[in-house]
C-alpha atoms as a PDB file:
ATOM      1  CA  LEU A   1      81.710 -43.730  19.389  1.00  0.00           C
ATOM      2  CA  PRO A   2      78.742 -45.831  20.429  1.00  0.00           C
ATOM      3  CA  CYS A   3      75.381 -44.262  19.832  1.00  0.00           C
ATOM      4  CA  THR A   4      73.117 -44.218  22.842  1.00  0.00           C
ATOM      5  CA  ALA A   5      69.400 -44.439  22.019  1.00  0.00           C
ATOM      6  CA  VAL A   6      67.141 -42.085  23.891  1.00  0.00           C
ATOM      7  CA  SER A   7      63.811 -43.645  24.690  1.00  0.00           C
ATOM      8  CA  SER A   8      60.716 -41.623  25.378  1.00  0.00           C
ATOM      9  CA  THR A   9      57.613 -42.590  27.242  1.00  0.00           C
ATOM     10  CA  VAL A  10      54.320 -40.775  27.020  1.00  0.00           C
ATOM     11  CA  VAL A  11      52.622 -40.627  30.380  1.00  0.00           C
ATOM     12  CA  GLU A  12      48.876 -40.824  29.994  1.00  0.00           C
ATOM     13  CA  MET A  13      47.090 -38.850  32.666  1.00  0.00           C
ATOM     14  CA  ALA A  14      43.743 -39.916  34.002  1.00  0.00           C
ATOM     15  CA  LYS A  15      40.856 -38.177  32.264  1.00  0.00           C
ATOM     16  CA  PRO A  16      39.332 -35.512  34.548  1.00  0.00           C
ATOM     17  CA  VAL A  17      35.958 -36.397  35.998  1.00  0.00           C
ATOM     18  CA  ALA A  18      33.147 -33.832  35.915  1.00  0.00           C
ATOM     19  CA  THR A  19      31.340 -33.609  39.260  1.00  0.00           C
ATOM     20  CA  LEU A  20      28.653 -31.629  41.045  1.00  0.00           C
ATOM     21  CA  SER A  21      31.117 -30.151  43.527  1.00  0.00           C
ATOM     22  CA  GLU A  22      33.703 -27.406  43.905  1.00  0.00           C
ATOM     23  CA  ASP A  23      36.157 -29.678  42.071  1.00  0.00           C
ATOM     24  CA  THR A  24      34.515 -28.862  38.712  1.00  0.00           C
ATOM     25  CA  THR A  25      33.722 -25.486  37.160  1.00  0.00           C
ATOM     26  CA  TRP A  26      30.942 -25.573  34.564  1.00  0.00           C
ATOM     27  CA  ARG A  27      30.446 -23.046  31.782  1.00  0.00           C
ATOM     28  CA  LEU A  28      26.778 -22.201  31.252  1.00  0.00           C
ATOM     29  CA  ARG A  29      25.759 -20.583  27.972  1.00  0.00           C
ATOM     30  CA  PHE A  30      22.432 -18.769  27.860  1.00  0.00           C
ATOM     31  CA  ALA A  31      20.875 -18.066  24.463  1.00  0.00           C
ATOM     32  CA  LEU A  32      18.085 -15.700  25.530  1.00  0.00           C
ATOM     33  CA  ASN A  33      15.235 -14.544  23.307  1.00  0.00           C
ATOM     34  CA  GLY A  34      12.451 -12.084  24.041  1.00  0.00           C
ATOM     35  CA  VAL A  35      13.573 -11.091  27.540  1.00  0.00           C
ATOM     36  CA  PRO A  36      12.117  -7.817  28.902  1.00  0.00           C
ATOM     37  CA  THR A  37      14.054  -4.551  29.248  1.00  0.00           C
ATOM     38  CA  LYS A  38      13.568  -1.396  31.301  1.00  0.00           C
ATOM     39  CA  ASN A  39      12.366   0.473  28.207  1.00  0.00           C
ATOM     40  CA  GLY A  40       9.686  -2.127  27.458  1.00  0.00           C
ATOM     41  CA  ARG A  41      11.513  -3.875  24.624  1.00  0.00           C
ATOM     42  CA  LYS A  42      12.047  -7.606  24.088  1.00  0.00           C
ATOM     43  CA  VAL A  43      15.638  -8.489  23.206  1.00  0.00           C
ATOM     44  CA  GLY A  44      17.803 -11.514  22.519  1.00  0.00           C
ATOM     45  CA  GLU A  45      21.333 -11.883  23.888  1.00  0.00           C
ATOM     46  CA  LEU A  46      24.003 -14.561  24.369  1.00  0.00           C
ATOM     47  CA  PHE A  47      25.652 -14.859  27.797  1.00  0.00           C
ATOM     48  CA  ASN A  48      28.151 -17.078  29.608  1.00  0.00           C
ATOM     49  CA  VAL A  49      28.277 -17.849  33.303  1.00  0.00           C
ATOM     50  CA  ASP A  50      30.978 -19.945  35.023  1.00  0.00           C
ATOM     51  CA  VAL A  51      29.663 -21.758  38.094  1.00  0.00           C
ATOM     52  CA  GLN A  52      30.246 -24.572  40.547  1.00  0.00           C
ATOM     53  CA  PHE A  53      27.443 -26.780  41.849  1.00  0.00           C
ATOM     54  CA  VAL A  54      28.197 -26.838  45.588  1.00  0.00           C
ATOM     55  CA  GLU A  55      26.415 -29.703  47.328  1.00  0.00           C
ATOM     56  CA  GLU A  56      24.978 -29.175  50.813  1.00  0.00           C
ATOM     57  CA  GLU A  57      25.659 -32.177  53.013  1.00  0.00           C
ATOM     58  CA  GLY A  58      22.861 -34.110  54.680  1.00  0.00           C
ATOM     59  CA  TYR A  59      20.133 -33.706  52.048  1.00  0.00           C
ATOM     60  CA  GLU A  60      18.433 -36.314  49.917  1.00  0.00           C
ATOM     61  CA  PRO A  61      17.995 -35.896  47.003  1.00  0.00           C
ATOM     62  CA  PRO A  62      21.377 -34.149  46.481  1.00  0.00           C
ATOM     63  CA  GLN A  63      21.007 -30.375  46.241  1.00  0.00           C
ATOM     64  CA  GLY A  64      22.824 -27.153  46.930  1.00  0.00           C
ATOM     65  CA  GLU A  65      23.987 -23.721  45.851  1.00  0.00           C
ATOM     66  CA  ILE A  66      25.007 -22.546  42.385  1.00  0.00           C
ATOM     67  CA  LYS A  67      28.168 -20.531  43.016  1.00  0.00           C
ATOM     68  CA  GLN A  68      29.388 -18.078  40.363  1.00  0.00           C
ATOM     69  CA  ILE A  69      33.131 -18.197  39.711  1.00  0.00           C
ATOM     70  CA  ASN A  70      33.758 -15.379  37.226  1.00  0.00           C
ATOM     71  CA  ALA A  71      31.467 -12.440  36.583  1.00  0.00           C
ATOM     72  CA  GLU A  72      33.853 -10.307  34.550  1.00  0.00           C
ATOM     73  CA  PRO A  73      33.876 -10.028  30.724  1.00  0.00           C
ATOM     74  CA  VAL A  74      36.843 -11.808  29.211  1.00  0.00           C
ATOM     75  CA  GLY A  75      38.316 -12.057  25.731  1.00  0.00           C
ATOM     76  CA  GLY A  76      37.745 -15.117  23.584  1.00  0.00           C
ATOM     77  CA  ASP A  77      37.927 -16.402  20.053  1.00  0.00           C
ATOM     78  CA  ASN A  78      34.993 -17.158  17.805  1.00  0.00           C
ATOM     79  CA  GLU A  79      34.961 -19.921  15.198  1.00  0.00           C
ATOM     80  CA  GLU A  80      36.904 -17.737  12.762  1.00  0.00           C
ATOM     81  CA  GLY A  81      39.604 -17.037  15.364  1.00  0.00           C
ATOM     82  CA  THR A  82      38.627 -13.388  15.792  1.00  0.00           C
ATOM     83  CA  ASN A  83      38.889 -11.985  19.288  1.00  0.00           C
ATOM     84  CA  ILE A  84      35.498 -11.176  20.790  1.00  0.00           C
ATOM     85  CA  ASN A  85      34.046 -10.082  24.107  1.00  0.00           C
ATOM     86  CA  ILE A  86      32.018 -12.669  25.980  1.00  0.00           C
ATOM     87  CA  GLN A  87      29.085 -11.226  27.901  1.00  0.00           C
ATOM     88  CA  TYR A  88      28.773 -12.454  31.469  1.00  0.00           C
ATOM     89  CA  LEU A  89      25.617 -12.302  33.556  1.00  0.00           C
ATOM     90  CA  ASN A  90      25.878 -11.655  37.279  1.00  0.00           C
ATOM     91  CA  LEU A  91      24.043 -14.139  39.484  1.00  0.00           C
ATOM     92  CA  THR A  92      22.440 -12.987  42.717  1.00  0.00           C
ATOM     93  CA  LYS A  93      21.178 -16.414  43.769  1.00  0.00           C
ATOM     94  CA  GLY A  94      21.170 -19.972  42.456  1.00  0.00           C
ATOM     95  CA  ARG A  95      19.884 -23.378  43.564  1.00  0.00           C
ATOM     96  CA  TRP A  96      20.025 -26.889  42.108  1.00  0.00           C
ATOM     97  CA  GLN A  97      18.436 -30.180  43.090  1.00  0.00           C
ATOM     98  CA  LEU A  98      18.536 -33.635  41.564  1.00  0.00           C
ATOM     99  CA  SER A  99      15.115 -35.104  40.900  1.00  0.00           C
ATOM    100  CA  GLU A 100      13.456 -38.414  40.198  1.00  0.00           C
ATOM    101  CA  ASP A 101      11.490 -38.988  37.027  1.00  0.00           C
ATOM    102  CA  PRO A 102       8.098 -37.343  37.704  1.00  0.00           C
ATOM    103  CA  GLU A 103       6.515 -39.949  35.413  1.00  0.00           C
ATOM    104  CA  ASP A 104       8.058 -42.901  37.312  1.00  0.00           C
ATOM    105  CA  ARG A 105       7.954 -42.297  41.056  1.00  0.00           C
ATOM    106  CA  LYS A 106       8.986 -45.883  41.915  1.00  0.00           C
ATOM    107  CA  ASP A 107      12.617 -44.663  41.735  1.00  0.00           C
ATOM    108  CA  GLY A 108      12.107 -43.378  45.282  1.00  0.00           C
ATOM    109  CA  LEU A 109      11.781 -46.962  46.551  1.00  0.00           C
ATOM    110  CA  TRP A 110      15.577 -47.061  46.925  1.00  0.00           C
ATOM    111  CA  ILE A 111      14.955 -45.649  50.411  1.00  0.00           C
ATOM    112  CA  TRP A 112      13.351 -48.941  51.371  1.00  0.00           C
ATOM    113  CA  GLY A 113      16.252 -50.996  50.074  1.00  0.00           C
ATOM    114  CA  LEU A 114      14.542 -52.164  46.883  1.00  0.00           C
ATOM    115  CA  PHE A 115      17.163 -50.479  44.692  1.00  0.00           C
ATOM    116  CA  LYS A 116      20.902 -49.933  45.248  1.00  0.00           C
ATOM    117  CA  GLU A 117      20.799 -46.188  44.542  1.00  0.00           C
ATOM    118  CA  PRO A 118      18.448 -43.558  43.080  1.00  0.00           C
ATOM    119  CA  GLN A 119      18.704 -42.706  39.405  1.00  0.00           C
ATOM    120  CA  TYR A 120      17.882 -38.996  39.538  1.00  0.00           C
ATOM    121  CA  PRO A 121      17.574 -38.415  35.781  1.00  0.00           C
ATOM    122  CA  PHE A 122      16.897 -34.681  36.192  1.00  0.00           C
ATOM    123  CA  MET A 123      18.449 -31.587  37.710  1.00  0.00           C
ATOM    124  CA  LEU A 124      16.041 -28.821  38.725  1.00  0.00           C
ATOM    125  CA  PHE A 125      17.909 -25.571  38.084  1.00  0.00           C
ATOM    126  CA  GLN A 126      16.987 -22.060  39.249  1.00  0.00           C
ATOM    127  CA  ILE A 127      18.988 -18.813  39.162  1.00  0.00           C
ATOM    128  CA  GLU A 128      18.310 -15.135  39.721  1.00  0.00           C
ATOM    129  CA  THR A 129      20.301 -12.492  37.844  1.00  0.00           C
ATOM    130  CA  SER A 130      21.005  -8.825  38.406  1.00  0.00           C
ATOM    131  CA  GLU A 131      20.105  -6.076  35.933  1.00  0.00           C
ATOM    132  CA  TYR A 132      22.327  -6.085  32.819  1.00  0.00           C
ATOM    133  CA  THR A 133      23.062  -2.770  31.057  1.00  0.00           C
ATOM    134  CA  LEU A 134      22.813  -3.034  27.265  1.00  0.00           C
ATOM    135  CA  ALA A 135      25.227  -1.301  24.916  1.00  0.00           C
ATOM    136  CA  GLY A 136      23.845   1.568  22.848  1.00  0.00           C
ATOM    137  CA  PRO A 137      22.451   5.079  23.186  1.00  0.00           C
ATOM    138  CA  GLU A 138      19.046   3.936  24.450  1.00  0.00           C
ATOM    139  CA  ASN A 139      20.268   3.639  28.060  1.00  0.00           C
ATOM    140  CA  ASP A 140      18.381   0.359  28.306  1.00  0.00           C
ATOM    141  CA  ALA A 141      18.952  -2.729  30.431  1.00  0.00           C
ATOM    142  CA  ILE A 142      17.713  -6.311  30.778  1.00  0.00           C
ATOM    143  CA  LEU A 143      15.627  -6.519  33.920  1.00  0.00           C
ATOM    144  CA  PRO A 144      16.591  -8.982  36.688  1.00  0.00           C
ATOM    145  CA  LEU A 145      15.566 -12.486  35.654  1.00  0.00           C
ATOM    146  CA  ASN A 146      14.367 -15.553  37.536  1.00  0.00           C
ATOM    147  CA  LEU A 147      15.329 -18.461  35.254  1.00  0.00           C
ATOM    148  CA  TYR A 148      14.282 -22.101  35.534  1.00  0.00           C
ATOM    149  CA  ALA A 149      15.295 -25.273  33.709  1.00  0.00           C
ATOM    150  CA  GLN A 150      14.804 -29.030  34.011  1.00  0.00           C
ATOM    151  CA  ILE A 151      18.075 -30.593  32.843  1.00  0.00           C
ATOM    152  CA  ASN A 152      18.680 -34.218  31.880  1.00  0.00           C
ATOM    153  CA  HIS A 153      21.301 -35.556  34.314  1.00  0.00           C
ATOM    154  CA  LYS A 154      23.486 -38.658  33.941  1.00  0.00           C
ATOM    155  CA  ARG A 155      26.153 -40.022  36.268  1.00  0.00           C
ATOM    156  CA  ASP A 156      28.438 -42.918  35.349  1.00  0.00           C
ATOM    157  CA  LYS A 157      28.273 -45.366  38.257  1.00  0.00           C
ATOM    158  CA  ASP A 158      31.833 -46.601  37.637  1.00  0.00           C
ATOM    159  CA  THR A 159      33.726 -43.338  37.089  1.00  0.00           C
ATOM    160  CA  GLY A 160      31.356 -40.854  38.768  1.00  0.00           C
ATOM    161  CA  ASN A 161      31.495 -38.601  35.678  1.00  0.00           C
ATOM    162  CA  VAL A 162      28.470 -36.303  35.379  1.00  0.00           C
ATOM    163  CA  GLU A 163      26.808 -35.241  32.121  1.00  0.00           C
ATOM    164  CA  LEU A 164      24.262 -32.406  31.891  1.00  0.00           C
ATOM    165  CA  ASP A 165      22.301 -32.002  28.660  1.00  0.00           C
ATOM    166  CA  ALA A 166      21.124 -28.781  27.042  1.00  0.00           C
ATOM    167  CA  ALA A 167      17.718 -27.623  28.235  1.00  0.00           C
ATOM    168  CA  VAL A 168      14.945 -25.086  27.666  1.00  0.00           C
ATOM    169  CA  LEU A 169      15.113 -21.921  29.793  1.00  0.00           C
ATOM    170  CA  ASN A 170      11.930 -20.496  31.290  1.00  0.00           C
ATOM    171  CA  ILE A 171      10.985 -17.433  33.307  1.00  0.00           C
ATOM    172  CA  ARG A 172       8.005 -17.187  35.629  1.00  0.00           C
ATOM    173  CA  GLU A 173       5.571 -14.382  34.939  1.00  0.00           C
ATOM    174  CA  ILE A 174       3.310 -13.437  37.848  1.00  0.00           C
ATOM    175  CA  GLU A 175      -0.230 -12.210  37.358  1.00  0.00           C
ATOM    176  CA  THR A 176      -2.272 -11.058  40.354  1.00  0.00           C
ATOM    177  CA  MET A 177      -5.963 -11.972  40.077  1.00  0.00           C
ATOM    178  CA  LYS A 178      -9.019 -11.403  42.226  1.00  0.00           C
ATOM    179  CA  ALA A 179      -9.942 -14.400  44.376  1.00  0.00           C
ATOM    180  CA  ASP A 180     -13.509 -13.179  44.997  1.00  0.00           C
ATOM    181  CA  PRO A 181     -16.071 -11.007  43.136  1.00  0.00           C
ATOM    182  CA  PHE A 182     -15.409  -8.020  45.420  1.00  0.00           C
ATOM    183  CA  GLY A 183     -11.651  -7.986  44.980  1.00  0.00           C
ATOM    184  CA  ALA A 184     -10.993  -8.201  48.723  1.00  0.00           C
ATOM    185  CA  ALA A 185      -8.732 -11.232  48.293  1.00  0.00           C
ATOM    186  CA  LYS A 186      -6.130 -11.687  45.577  1.00  0.00           C
ATOM    187  CA  ILE A 187      -3.960 -14.562  44.426  1.00  0.00           C
ATOM    188  CA  ASP A 188      -0.773 -14.708  42.349  1.00  0.00           C
ATOM    189  CA  ILE A 189      -0.852 -16.935  39.245  1.00  0.00           C
ATOM    190  CA  TYR A 190       2.505 -18.150  37.906  1.00  0.00           C
ATOM    191  CA  ASP A 191       3.009 -18.862  34.228  1.00  0.00           C
ATOM    192  CA  GLU A 192       6.267 -20.303  32.886  1.00  0.00           C
ATOM    193  CA  VAL A 193       7.347 -18.774  29.574  1.00  0.00           C
ATOM    194  CA  LYS A 194      10.167 -20.086  27.375  1.00  0.00           C
ATOM    195  CA  VAL A 195      12.902 -17.478  26.873  1.00  0.00           C
ATOM    196  CA  GLY A 196      15.782 -19.459  25.423  1.00  0.00           C
ATOM    197  CA  GLN A 197      18.187 -22.366  25.625  1.00  0.00           C
ATOM    198  CA  LEU A 198      20.790 -23.388  28.200  1.00  0.00           C
ATOM    199  CA  SER A 199      23.891 -25.478  27.467  1.00  0.00           C
ATOM    200  CA  LEU A 200      26.402 -26.701  30.059  1.00  0.00           C
ATOM    201  CA  ARG A 201      29.939 -28.065  29.775  1.00  0.00           C
ATOM    202  CA  PRO A 202      32.692 -28.724  32.317  1.00  0.00           C
ATOM    203  CA  LEU A 203      35.872 -26.669  32.007  1.00  0.00           C
ATOM    204  CA  GLN A 204      38.678 -29.232  31.937  1.00  0.00           C
ATOM    205  CA  PRO A 205      42.455 -29.141  31.562  1.00  0.00           C
ATOM    206  CA  VAL A 206      43.505 -28.681  27.934  1.00  0.00           C
ATOM    207  CA  SER A 207      44.992 -32.143  27.506  1.00  0.00           C
ATOM    208  CA  ASN A 208      44.957 -35.492  29.234  1.00  0.00           C
ATOM    209  CA  VAL A 209      48.439 -36.310  27.933  1.00  0.00           C
ATOM    210  CA  GLY A 210      50.977 -35.557  30.613  1.00  0.00           C
ATOM    211  CA  ALA A 211      54.622 -35.435  29.570  1.00  0.00           C
ATOM    212  CA  VAL A 212      57.253 -37.144  27.445  1.00  0.00           C
ATOM    213  CA  LEU A 213      59.954 -38.735  29.562  1.00  0.00           C
END
């Protein structure tokens, strides 16, 4: 009997593009150090947060809300393959805004038609978190945090793919001071203090290879 050859074709799917929109979910990893607790301690913890950067139409530079996607602890595997619990922070508020280089303000001249489009090499990132109860008999918790970061931002002009680099995380500490010798007037002084590191990566489909036909 004749032998019929079966040919197979691998269909290559287009590589997913990371965007600042509801089309892409980003996993944020917070490595926090020295954050304050209710009992007056300073602790270090590792947290994940899954978010989408939802752009608000009609604003320049681009900006919008940071929308949390999953606030529940889920199982995962560490580098040794052992199942672990991933700690998730709960966000109460979040904002992002792309920014020009503060050291090179000429980037803004695109408005006047001198450049094709703005570069926006930075994302200004701000989130507020709810109180997080710590494990243990101390009945302690991490106080609500107001976290800030300036993130290096790149966007490929051909594909539209967005890259966000790791960045330093800061909190703002407020100190109220007298504005006159009699103490009748007071002012709030803000001081940014480093409390950790933030890394960001888009959550993509497992493979960009489609099917064998």
